[in-house]
PDB file of N, CA and C in Angstrom:
ATOM      1  N   MET A   1      64.217  49.593  61.932  1.00  0.00           N
ATOM      2  CA  MET A   1      65.232  50.449  62.745  1.00  0.00           C
ATOM      3  C   MET A   1      66.898  50.413  61.503  1.00  0.00           C
ATOM      4  N   LEU A   2      66.926  48.959  61.220  1.00  0.00           N
ATOM      5  CA  LEU A   2      68.023  48.144  60.317  1.00  0.00           C
ATOM      6  C   LEU A   2      67.394  49.139  58.706  1.00  0.00           C
ATOM      7  N   LEU A   3      65.970  48.699  58.505  1.00  0.00           N
ATOM      8  CA  LEU A   3      65.792  49.110  56.963  1.00  0.00           C
ATOM      9  C   LEU A   3      65.497  51.101  57.077  1.00  0.00           C
ATOM     10  N   SER A   4      65.783  51.653  58.407  1.00  0.00           N
ATOM     11  CA  SER A   4      65.110  52.944  57.740  1.00  0.00           C
ATOM     12  C   SER A   4      66.985  53.380  57.430  1.00  0.00           C
ATOM     13  N   LEU A   5      67.820  52.915  58.357  1.00  0.00           N
ATOM     14  CA  LEU A   5      69.353  52.804  58.427  1.00  0.00           C
ATOM     15  C   LEU A   5      69.972  52.930  56.857  1.00  0.00           C
ATOM     16  N   LEU A   6      69.193  51.419  55.772  1.00  0.00           N
ATOM     17  CA  LEU A   6      69.680  50.809  55.091  1.00  0.00           C
ATOM     18  C   LEU A   6      68.835  52.036  54.058  1.00  0.00           C
ATOM     19  N   CYS A   7      68.260  52.867  53.948  1.00  0.00           N
ATOM     20  CA  CYS A   7      67.465  53.892  53.218  1.00  0.00           C
ATOM     21  C   CYS A   7      68.309  55.200  52.905  1.00  0.00           C
ATOM     22  N   VAL A   8      68.192  55.433  54.327  1.00  0.00           N
ATOM     23  CA  VAL A   8      69.264  56.789  54.467  1.00  0.00           C
ATOM     24  C   VAL A   8      70.740  56.409  53.862  1.00  0.00           C
ATOM     25  N   ALA A   9      71.525  55.051  53.886  1.00  0.00           N
ATOM     26  CA  ALA A   9      72.394  54.940  53.292  1.00  0.00           C
ATOM     27  C   ALA A   9      72.823  54.632  52.096  1.00  0.00           C
ATOM     28  N   LEU A  10      71.175  54.567  51.746  1.00  0.00           N
ATOM     29  CA  LEU A  10      71.062  54.724  50.009  1.00  0.00           C
ATOM     30  C   LEU A  10      70.835  55.838  49.480  1.00  0.00           C
ATOM     31  N   ALA A  11      70.091  56.530  49.923  1.00  0.00           N
ATOM     32  CA  ALA A  11      70.015  57.816  49.450  1.00  0.00           C
ATOM     33  C   ALA A  11      70.965  58.915  49.432  1.00  0.00           C
ATOM     34  N   ALA A  12      72.501  58.537  50.643  1.00  0.00           N
ATOM     35  CA  ALA A  12      73.466  59.139  50.894  1.00  0.00           C
ATOM     36  C   ALA A  12      74.547  58.824  49.267  1.00  0.00           C
ATOM     37  N   CYS A  13      74.232  57.130  49.078  1.00  0.00           N
ATOM     38  CA  CYS A  13      75.035  56.906  48.251  1.00  0.00           C
ATOM     39  C   CYS A  13      74.765  57.594  46.548  1.00  0.00           C
ATOM     40  N   GLU A  14      73.015  57.588  46.328  1.00  0.00           N
ATOM     41  CA  GLU A  14      72.923  58.161  45.374  1.00  0.00           C
ATOM     42  C   GLU A  14      72.878  59.638  45.617  1.00  0.00           C
ATOM     43  N   LYS A  15      73.160  60.508  46.025  1.00  0.00           N
ATOM     44  CA  LYS A  15      73.687  62.058  46.020  1.00  0.00           C
ATOM     45  C   LYS A  15      74.541  62.054  44.786  1.00  0.00           C
ATOM     46  N   THR A  16      74.857  63.110  44.225  1.00  0.00           N
ATOM     47  CA  THR A  16      75.956  63.757  43.383  1.00  0.00           C
ATOM     48  C   THR A  16      76.497  64.541  43.808  1.00  0.00           C
ATOM     49  N   GLY A  17      77.848  65.101  43.577  1.00  0.00           N
ATOM     50  CA  GLY A  17      77.900  66.496  43.519  1.00  0.00           C
ATOM     51  C   GLY A  17      77.217  67.137  42.464  1.00  0.00           C
ATOM     52  N   PRO A  18      77.389  68.358  42.505  1.00  0.00           N
ATOM     53  CA  PRO A  18      77.438  69.561  41.931  1.00  0.00           C
ATOM     54  C   PRO A  18      77.113  69.265  40.435  1.00  0.00           C
ATOM     55  N   SER A  19      76.172  69.259  39.353  1.00  0.00           N
ATOM     56  CA  SER A  19      76.554  69.212  37.951  1.00  0.00           C
ATOM     57  C   SER A  19      76.987  70.390  37.592  1.00  0.00           C
ATOM     58  N   VAL A  20      78.177  69.669  36.658  1.00  0.00           N
ATOM     59  CA  VAL A  20      78.845  70.358  35.634  1.00  0.00           C
ATOM     60  C   VAL A  20      78.531  70.656  34.264  1.00  0.00           C
ATOM     61  N   ASP A  21      78.562  72.111  34.229  1.00  0.00           N
ATOM     62  CA  ASP A  21      78.091  72.606  32.596  1.00  0.00           C
ATOM     63  C   ASP A  21      79.343  72.074  31.646  1.00  0.00           C
ATOM     64  N   SER A  22      78.986  71.148  31.143  1.00  0.00           N
ATOM     65  CA  SER A  22      79.896  70.677  29.795  1.00  0.00           C
ATOM     66  C   SER A  22      80.525  71.698  29.219  1.00  0.00           C
ATOM     67  N   LYS A  23      79.071  72.816  28.525  1.00  0.00           N
ATOM     68  CA  LYS A  23      79.491  73.254  27.677  1.00  0.00           C
ATOM     69  C   LYS A  23      80.282  74.336  28.134  1.00  0.00           C
ATOM     70  N   LEU A  24      80.215  74.778  29.726  1.00  0.00           N
ATOM     71  CA  LEU A  24      81.190  75.730  30.396  1.00  0.00           C
ATOM     72  C   LEU A  24      82.928  75.202  30.436  1.00  0.00           C
ATOM     73  N   VAL A  25      82.600  73.601  30.301  1.00  0.00           N
ATOM     74  CA  VAL A  25      84.312  72.909  30.625  1.00  0.00           C
ATOM     75  C   VAL A  25      84.595  73.495  29.224  1.00  0.00           C
ATOM     76  N   ALA A  26      84.011  73.124  28.009  1.00  0.00           N
ATOM     77  CA  ALA A  26      84.617  73.274  26.679  1.00  0.00           C
ATOM     78  C   ALA A  26      85.237  74.609  26.227  1.00  0.00           C
ATOM     79  N   THR A  27      84.413  75.641  27.041  1.00  0.00           N
ATOM     80  CA  THR A  27      84.556  77.578  26.519  1.00  0.00           C
ATOM     81  C   THR A  27      86.322  77.474  27.441  1.00  0.00           C
ATOM     82  N   TYR A  28      86.220  76.687  28.570  1.00  0.00           N
ATOM     83  CA  TYR A  28      87.228  77.413  29.479  1.00  0.00           C
ATOM     84  C   TYR A  28      88.166  76.514  28.796  1.00  0.00           C
ATOM     85  N   ILE A  29      88.443  75.180  28.392  1.00  0.00           N
ATOM     86  CA  ILE A  29      89.317  75.012  27.317  1.00  0.00           C
ATOM     87  C   ILE A  29      89.492  75.454  26.464  1.00  0.00           C
ATOM     88  N   ASP A  30      88.997  75.600  25.610  1.00  0.00           N
ATOM     89  CA  ASP A  30      89.389  76.279  24.245  1.00  0.00           C
ATOM     90  C   ASP A  30      90.145  77.798  24.612  1.00  0.00           C
ATOM     91  N   ILE A  31      90.032  78.676  25.811  1.00  0.00           N
ATOM     92  CA  ILE A  31      90.385  79.846  26.088  1.00  0.00           C
ATOM     93  C   ILE A  31      91.928  79.540  26.520  1.00  0.00           C
ATOM     94  N   ARG A  32      91.773  78.528  27.684  1.00  0.00           N
ATOM     95  CA  ARG A  32      93.017  78.527  28.097  1.00  0.00           C
ATOM     96  C   ARG A  32      94.220  77.459  27.139  1.00  0.00           C
ATOM     97  N   ALA A  33      93.809  77.277  25.865  1.00  0.00           N
ATOM     98  CA  ALA A  33      94.408  76.684  24.629  1.00  0.00           C
ATOM     99  C   ALA A  33      94.770  78.013  24.079  1.00  0.00           C
ATOM    100  N   MET A  34      93.735  78.933  23.901  1.00  0.00           N
ATOM    101  CA  MET A  34      94.264  79.693  22.903  1.00  0.00           C
ATOM    102  C   MET A  34      95.481  80.632  23.922  1.00  0.00           C
ATOM    103  N   GLU A  35      94.871  80.563  24.995  1.00  0.00           N
ATOM    104  CA  GLU A  35      95.610  81.803  26.024  1.00  0.00           C
ATOM    105  C   GLU A  35      97.245  81.583  25.710  1.00  0.00           C
ATOM    106  N   GLN A  36      97.689  79.961  25.553  1.00  0.00           N
ATOM    107  CA  GLN A  36      99.079  79.347  25.140  1.00  0.00           C
ATOM    108  C   GLN A  36      99.339  79.714  24.056  1.00  0.00           C
ATOM    109  N   SER A  37      98.586  79.632  23.185  1.00  0.00           N
ATOM    110  CA  SER A  37      99.655  80.800  22.118  1.00  0.00           C
ATOM    111  C   SER A  37      99.592  82.147  21.945  1.00  0.00           C
ATOM    112  N   LEU A  38      98.475  82.722  22.543  1.00  0.00           N
ATOM    113  CA  LEU A  38      98.437  84.409  22.236  1.00  0.00           C
ATOM    114  C   LEU A  38      98.684  85.153  23.416  1.00  0.00           C
ATOM    115  N   GLY A  39      98.832  83.902  24.313  1.00  0.00           N
ATOM    116  CA  GLY A  39      98.748  85.178  25.546  1.00  0.00           C
ATOM    117  C   GLY A  39      97.578  85.260  26.163  1.00  0.00           C
ATOM    118  N   THR A  40      97.283  86.505  27.181  1.00  0.00           N
ATOM    119  CA  THR A  40      95.972  86.685  27.760  1.00  0.00           C
ATOM    120  C   THR A  40      95.727  88.361  27.843  1.00  0.00           C
ATOM    121  N   ASP A  41      96.869  89.305  27.048  1.00  0.00           N
ATOM    122  CA  ASP A  41      96.417  90.711  27.229  1.00  0.00           C
ATOM    123  C   ASP A  41      96.361  90.705  25.661  1.00  0.00           C
ATOM    124  N   SER A  42      96.894  90.219  24.954  1.00  0.00           N
ATOM    125  CA  SER A  42      97.176  91.192  23.604  1.00  0.00           C
ATOM    126  C   SER A  42      95.916  91.269  23.115  1.00  0.00           C
ATOM    127  N   PRO A  43      95.898  92.116  22.074  1.00  0.00           N
ATOM    128  CA  PRO A  43      94.758  92.417  20.820  1.00  0.00           C
ATOM    129  C   PRO A  43      93.874  90.792  20.702  1.00  0.00           C
ATOM    130  N   GLU A  44      95.035  90.644  19.739  1.00  0.00           N
ATOM    131  CA  GLU A  44      94.527  89.214  19.200  1.00  0.00           C
ATOM    132  C   GLU A  44      93.561  88.047  20.076  1.00  0.00           C
ATOM    133  N   ALA A  45      94.439  87.950  21.294  1.00  0.00           N
ATOM    134  CA  ALA A  45      93.934  87.175  22.411  1.00  0.00           C
ATOM    135  C   ALA A  45      92.795  87.368  22.537  1.00  0.00           C
ATOM    136  N   ARG A  46      92.199  89.246  23.006  1.00  0.00           N
ATOM    137  CA  ARG A  46      90.828  89.583  23.296  1.00  0.00           C
ATOM    138  C   ARG A  46      89.526  89.224  22.621  1.00  0.00           C
ATOM    139  N   ILE A  47      90.506  89.429  21.421  1.00  0.00           N
ATOM    140  CA  ILE A  47      89.361  89.156  19.889  1.00  0.00           C
ATOM    141  C   ILE A  47      89.153  88.119  20.001  1.00  0.00           C
ATOM    142  N   ALA A  48      90.290  86.992  19.877  1.00  0.00           N
ATOM    143  CA  ALA A  48      89.797  85.016  19.823  1.00  0.00           C
ATOM    144  C   ALA A  48      89.132  84.925  21.108  1.00  0.00           C
ATOM    145  N   ARG A  49      88.982  85.417  22.515  1.00  0.00           N
ATOM    146  CA  ARG A  49      88.162  84.922  23.101  1.00  0.00           C
ATOM    147  C   ARG A  49      86.759  85.171  23.246  1.00  0.00           C
ATOM    148  N   LYS A  50      86.457  86.792  22.603  1.00  0.00           N
ATOM    149  CA  LYS A  50      85.361  86.976  22.488  1.00  0.00           C
ATOM    150  C   LYS A  50      84.626  86.061  21.453  1.00  0.00           C
ATOM    151  N   SER A  51      85.617  85.898  20.242  1.00  0.00           N
ATOM    152  CA  SER A  51      85.089  84.703  19.398  1.00  0.00           C
ATOM    153  C   SER A  51      84.843  83.209  20.123  1.00  0.00           C
ATOM    154  N   ILE A  52      85.729  82.610  20.938  1.00  0.00           N
ATOM    155  CA  ILE A  52      85.815  81.346  21.379  1.00  0.00           C
ATOM    156  C   ILE A  52      83.942  81.288  22.503  1.00  0.00           C
ATOM    157  N   VAL A  53      83.946  82.500  22.761  1.00  0.00           N
ATOM    158  CA  VAL A  53      82.825  82.660  23.962  1.00  0.00           C
ATOM    159  C   VAL A  53      81.081  82.407  22.915  1.00  0.00           C
ATOM    160  N   GLU A  54      81.544  83.347  22.165  1.00  0.00           N
ATOM    161  CA  GLU A  54      80.574  83.085  21.332  1.00  0.00           C
ATOM    162  C   GLU A  54      79.640  81.986  20.717  1.00  0.00           C
ATOM    163  N   GLN A  55      81.253  81.393  19.935  1.00  0.00           N
ATOM    164  CA  GLN A  55      81.260  79.864  19.559  1.00  0.00           C
ATOM    165  C   GLN A  55      80.484  79.272  20.347  1.00  0.00           C
ATOM    166  N   HIS A  56      80.333  79.533  21.655  1.00  0.00           N
ATOM    167  CA  HIS A  56      80.296  78.567  22.648  1.00  0.00           C
ATOM    168  C   HIS A  56      78.878  78.830  22.969  1.00  0.00           C
ATOM    169  N   GLY A  57      78.424  80.252  23.006  1.00  0.00           N
ATOM    170  CA  GLY A  57      76.566  80.130  23.056  1.00  0.00           C
ATOM    171  C   GLY A  57      76.619  81.635  24.079  1.00  0.00           C
ATOM    172  N   TYR A  58      77.686  81.825  24.582  1.00  0.00           N
ATOM    173  CA  TYR A  58      78.039  83.073  25.956  1.00  0.00           C
ATOM    174  C   TYR A  58      78.566  84.085  25.137  1.00  0.00           C
ATOM    175  N   THR A  59      77.795  85.174  26.292  1.00  0.00           N
ATOM    176  CA  THR A  59      78.641  86.506  25.820  1.00  0.00           C
ATOM    177  C   THR A  59      80.061  86.554  26.627  1.00  0.00           C
ATOM    178  N   VAL A  60      80.387  87.368  26.483  1.00  0.00           N
ATOM    179  CA  VAL A  60      82.118  87.198  27.205  1.00  0.00           C
ATOM    180  C   VAL A  60      81.361  88.018  28.860  1.00  0.00           C
ATOM    181  N   GLU A  61      80.280  88.515  28.723  1.00  0.00           N
ATOM    182  CA  GLU A  61      80.263  88.783  30.043  1.00  0.00           C
ATOM    183  C   GLU A  61      79.324  87.728  31.027  1.00  0.00           C
ATOM    184  N   SER A  62      78.444  86.760  30.034  1.00  0.00           N
ATOM    185  CA  SER A  62      77.772  85.521  30.583  1.00  0.00           C
ATOM    186  C   SER A  62      79.169  84.576  30.983  1.00  0.00           C
ATOM    187  N   TYR A  63      79.959  84.659  30.140  1.00  0.00           N
ATOM    188  CA  TYR A  63      81.587  83.673  30.622  1.00  0.00           C
ATOM    189  C   TYR A  63      81.820  83.923  31.679  1.00  0.00           C
ATOM    190  N   LYS A  64      82.101  85.264  31.789  1.00  0.00           N
ATOM    191  CA  LYS A  64      82.217  85.316  33.026  1.00  0.00           C
ATOM    192  C   LYS A  64      81.735  85.122  34.792  1.00  0.00           C
ATOM    193  N   ALA A  65      80.599  85.543  33.939  1.00  0.00           N
ATOM    194  CA  ALA A  65      79.618  85.485  35.427  1.00  0.00           C
ATOM    195  C   ALA A  65      79.475  83.790  35.448  1.00  0.00           C
ATOM    196  N   ALA A  66      79.496  83.050  34.665  1.00  0.00           N
ATOM    197  CA  ALA A  66      79.751  81.378  34.695  1.00  0.00           C
ATOM    198  C   ALA A  66      80.996  80.668  35.408  1.00  0.00           C
ATOM    199  N   ILE A  67      81.759  81.543  35.043  1.00  0.00           N
ATOM    200  CA  ILE A  67      83.284  81.260  35.369  1.00  0.00           C
ATOM    201  C   ILE A  67      83.209  81.362  36.793  1.00  0.00           C
ATOM    202  N   ASP A  68      83.233  82.930  37.121  1.00  0.00           N
ATOM    203  CA  ASP A  68      83.051  83.185  38.950  1.00  0.00           C
ATOM    204  C   ASP A  68      81.910  82.595  39.385  1.00  0.00           C
ATOM    205  N   LYS A  69      80.535  81.954  39.497  1.00  0.00           N
ATOM    206  CA  LYS A  69      80.168  81.390  40.038  1.00  0.00           C
ATOM    207  C   LYS A  69      80.729  80.049  40.383  1.00  0.00           C
ATOM    208  N   VAL A  70      81.370  79.245  39.463  1.00  0.00           N
ATOM    209  CA  VAL A  70      82.027  78.304  39.592  1.00  0.00           C
ATOM    210  C   VAL A  70      83.248  78.624  40.547  1.00  0.00           C
ATOM    211  N   LEU A  71      84.014  79.717  40.531  1.00  0.00           N
ATOM    212  CA  LEU A  71      84.960  80.134  41.134  1.00  0.00           C
ATOM    213  C   LEU A  71      84.709  80.139  43.060  1.00  0.00           C
ATOM    214  N   ASP A  72      83.536  80.707  42.927  1.00  0.00           N
ATOM    215  CA  ASP A  72      82.711  81.478  44.767  1.00  0.00           C
ATOM    216  C   ASP A  72      82.309  79.984  45.218  1.00  0.00           C
ATOM    217  N   ASP A  73      82.335  78.759  44.653  1.00  0.00           N
ATOM    218  CA  ASP A  73      81.907  78.117  44.797  1.00  0.00           C
ATOM    219  C   ASP A  73      82.859  76.764  45.215  1.00  0.00           C
ATOM    220  N   ASP A  74      82.695  76.525  46.222  1.00  0.00           N
ATOM    221  CA  ASP A  74      84.016  75.365  46.632  1.00  0.00           C
ATOM    222  C   ASP A  74      83.729  74.248  46.489  1.00  0.00           C
ATOM    223  N   ALA A  75      81.924  73.742  46.390  1.00  0.00           N
ATOM    224  CA  ALA A  75      81.558  72.418  46.113  1.00  0.00           C
ATOM    225  C   ALA A  75      81.510  72.027  44.735  1.00  0.00           C
ATOM    226  N   SER A  76      81.660  73.585  43.956  1.00  0.00           N
ATOM    227  CA  SER A  76      81.274  73.302  42.231  1.00  0.00           C
ATOM    228  C   SER A  76      83.073  73.080  41.645  1.00  0.00           C
ATOM    229  N   TRP A  77      84.064  73.656  42.179  1.00  0.00           N
ATOM    230  CA  TRP A  77      85.410  73.720  41.633  1.00  0.00           C
ATOM    231  C   TRP A  77      85.730  72.818  41.917  1.00  0.00           C
ATOM    232  N   VAL A  78      86.040  71.976  42.311  1.00  0.00           N
ATOM    233  CA  VAL A  78      86.344  70.365  42.213  1.00  0.00           C
ATOM    234  C   VAL A  78      85.959  69.830  41.347  1.00  0.00           C
ATOM    235  N   PRO A  79      84.705  69.371  41.039  1.00  0.00           N
ATOM    236  CA  PRO A  79      83.944  68.672  40.063  1.00  0.00           C
ATOM    237  C   PRO A  79      84.250  69.178  38.709  1.00  0.00           C
ATOM    238  N   PHE A  80      84.539  70.737  38.537  1.00  0.00           N
ATOM    239  CA  PHE A  80      84.281  71.718  37.391  1.00  0.00           C
ATOM    240  C   PHE A  80      86.140  71.302  36.766  1.00  0.00           C
ATOM    241  N   GLN A  81      86.981  71.390  38.078  1.00  0.00           N
ATOM    242  CA  GLN A  81      88.333  71.047  37.478  1.00  0.00           C
ATOM    243  C   GLN A  81      88.768  69.565  37.205  1.00  0.00           C
ATOM    244  N   ARG A  82      87.641  68.693  38.006  1.00  0.00           N
ATOM    245  CA  ARG A  82      88.150  66.966  37.602  1.00  0.00           C
ATOM    246  C   ARG A  82      87.606  66.982  35.868  1.00  0.00           C
ATOM    247  N   ALA A  83      86.103  67.976  35.762  1.00  0.00           N
ATOM    248  CA  ALA A  83      85.513  67.426  34.070  1.00  0.00           C
ATOM    249  C   ALA A  83      86.803  68.252  33.220  1.00  0.00           C
ATOM    250  N   VAL A  84      87.547  69.421  33.334  1.00  0.00           N
ATOM    251  CA  VAL A  84      88.063  69.892  32.656  1.00  0.00           C
ATOM    252  C   VAL A  84      89.359  68.970  32.718  1.00  0.00           C
ATOM    253  N   ILE A  85      90.100  68.141  33.429  1.00  0.00           N
ATOM    254  CA  ILE A  85      90.956  67.151  33.369  1.00  0.00           C
ATOM    255  C   ILE A  85      90.616  65.769  32.711  1.00  0.00           C
ATOM    256  N   ALA A  86      89.436  65.560  32.839  1.00  0.00           N
ATOM    257  CA  ALA A  86      89.035  64.285  32.150  1.00  0.00           C
ATOM    258  C   ALA A  86      89.078  65.184  30.381  1.00  0.00           C
ATOM    259  N   ARG A  87      88.288  66.288  29.998  1.00  0.00           N
ATOM    260  CA  ARG A  87      88.282  66.406  29.061  1.00  0.00           C
ATOM    261  C   ARG A  87      89.887  66.346  28.205  1.00  0.00           C
ATOM    262  N   ILE A  88      90.668  67.272  28.917  1.00  0.00           N
ATOM    263  CA  ILE A  88      91.832  67.242  28.588  1.00  0.00           C
ATOM    264  C   ILE A  88      92.286  65.907  28.307  1.00  0.00           C
ATOM    265  N   ASP A  89      92.109  64.939  29.155  1.00  0.00           N
ATOM    266  CA  ASP A  89      92.677  63.781  28.807  1.00  0.00           C
ATOM    267  C   ASP A  89      92.235  63.387  27.555  1.00  0.00           C
ATOM    268  N   THR A  90      90.777  62.992  27.391  1.00  0.00           N
ATOM    269  CA  THR A  90      90.361  62.815  26.665  1.00  0.00           C
ATOM    270  C   THR A  90      91.014  63.070  24.865  1.00  0.00           C
ATOM    271  N   LEU A  91      90.960  64.774  25.181  1.00  0.00           N
ATOM    272  CA  LEU A  91      91.124  65.078  24.190  1.00  0.00           C
ATOM    273  C   LEU A  91      92.670  64.578  23.664  1.00  0.00           C
ATOM    274  N   ILE A  92      94.050  64.380  24.667  1.00  0.00           N
ATOM    275  CA  ILE A  92      95.085  64.075  24.203  1.00  0.00           C
ATOM    276  C   ILE A  92      94.887  62.697  24.102  1.00  0.00           C
ATOM    277  N   GLY A  93      94.148  61.922  24.630  1.00  0.00           N
ATOM    278  CA  GLY A  93      94.157  60.156  23.886  1.00  0.00           C
ATOM    279  C   GLY A  93      94.016  60.458  22.416  1.00  0.00           C
ATOM    280  N   GLU A  94      93.154  61.359  21.324  1.00  0.00           N
ATOM    281  CA  GLU A  94      92.469  61.312  20.678  1.00  0.00           C
ATOM    282  C   GLU A  94      93.949  61.440  19.824  1.00  0.00           C
ATOM    283  N   ALA A  95      94.151  62.743  20.453  1.00  0.00           N
ATOM    284  CA  ALA A  95      95.255  63.281  19.269  1.00  0.00           C
ATOM    285  C   ALA A  95      96.487  62.249  19.470  1.00  0.00           C
ATOM    286  N   SER A  96      97.080  61.516  20.018  1.00  0.00           N
ATOM    287  CA  SER A  96      97.951  60.984  20.076  1.00  0.00           C
ATOM    288  C   SER A  96      97.411  59.105  19.473  1.00  0.00           C
ATOM    289  N   SER A  97      96.423  59.042  19.431  1.00  0.00           N
ATOM    290  CA  SER A  97      95.564  57.972  18.765  1.00  0.00           C
ATOM    291  C   SER A  97      95.643  58.070  17.188  1.00  0.00           C
ATOM    292  N   ALA A  98      95.716  59.205  16.805  1.00  0.00           N
ATOM    293  CA  ALA A  98      95.655  59.421  15.162  1.00  0.00           C
ATOM    294  C   ALA A  98      96.620  59.436  14.613  1.00  0.00           C
ATOM    295  N   PRO A  99      96.859  58.792  13.190  1.00  0.00           N
ATOM    296  CA  PRO A  99      98.478  58.411  12.288  1.00  0.00           C
ATOM    297  C   PRO A  99      99.033  60.509  12.622  1.00  0.00           C
ATOM    298  N   PRO A 100     100.129  60.120  12.668  1.00  0.00           N
ATOM    299  CA  PRO A 100     101.418  61.067  12.509  1.00  0.00           C
ATOM    300  C   PRO A 100     100.410  61.823  11.464  1.00  0.00           C
ATOM    301  N   GLY A 101     100.641  63.280  11.740  1.00  0.00           N
ATOM    302  CA  GLY A 101     100.491  64.422  10.684  1.00  0.00           C
ATOM    303  C   GLY A 101      98.770  64.220  10.524  1.00  0.00           C
ATOM    304  N   GLN A 102      97.622  63.503  10.767  1.00  0.00           N
ATOM    305  CA  GLN A 102      96.708  63.614  10.807  1.00  0.00           C
ATOM    306  C   GLN A 102      95.533  63.216  12.547  1.00  0.00           C
ATOM    307  N   LYS A 103      94.639  64.128  12.193  1.00  0.00           N
ATOM    308  CA  LYS A 103      94.151  64.545  13.162  1.00  0.00           C
ATOM    309  C   LYS A 103      92.742  63.161  13.224  1.00  0.00           C
ATOM    310  N   LYS A 104      92.664  63.063  14.038  1.00  0.00           N
ATOM    311  CA  LYS A 104      91.742  61.564  14.452  1.00  0.00           C
ATOM    312  C   LYS A 104      90.038  61.975  13.541  1.00  0.00           C
ATOM    313  N   GLY A 105      89.913  61.153  13.078  1.00  0.00           N
ATOM    314  CA  GLY A 105      88.614  61.618  12.600  1.00  0.00           C
ATOM    315  C   GLY A 105      88.312  61.763  11.165  1.00  0.00           C
ATOM    316  N   ALA A 106      89.799  62.574  10.807  1.00  0.00           N
ATOM    317  CA  ALA A 106      89.992  63.096   9.525  1.00  0.00           C
ATOM    318  C   ALA A 106      90.244  61.885   8.354  1.00  0.00           C
ATOM    319  N   PRO A 107      89.477  62.215   6.748  1.00  0.00           N
ATOM    320  CA  PRO A 107      90.131  61.343   5.828  1.00  0.00           C
ATOM    321  C   PRO A 107      91.219  60.802   5.478  1.00  0.00           C
TER     322      PRO A 107
END
């Protein structure tokens, strides 16, 4: 009996949350960053959004469908947002560790 409970407990610990699509996270962050400078409704923003999603391998429609899927699933939204925050924190850390006027990794 004790062995059965231990196996159940270990199985429960091994379960992970929904997987997070890193490509979707990167696309979302790039779009949000672009919207900070161009807004959301200008013609330039629409062109930039289309370019960003295509660079990440989406169409505007497939990106919207992927984001809607995450938004419609409470179990996916929180891990997605955590991944977004973690990636932004990483980007901020990389930017702050670069010498002034130089991007990290640049000669």
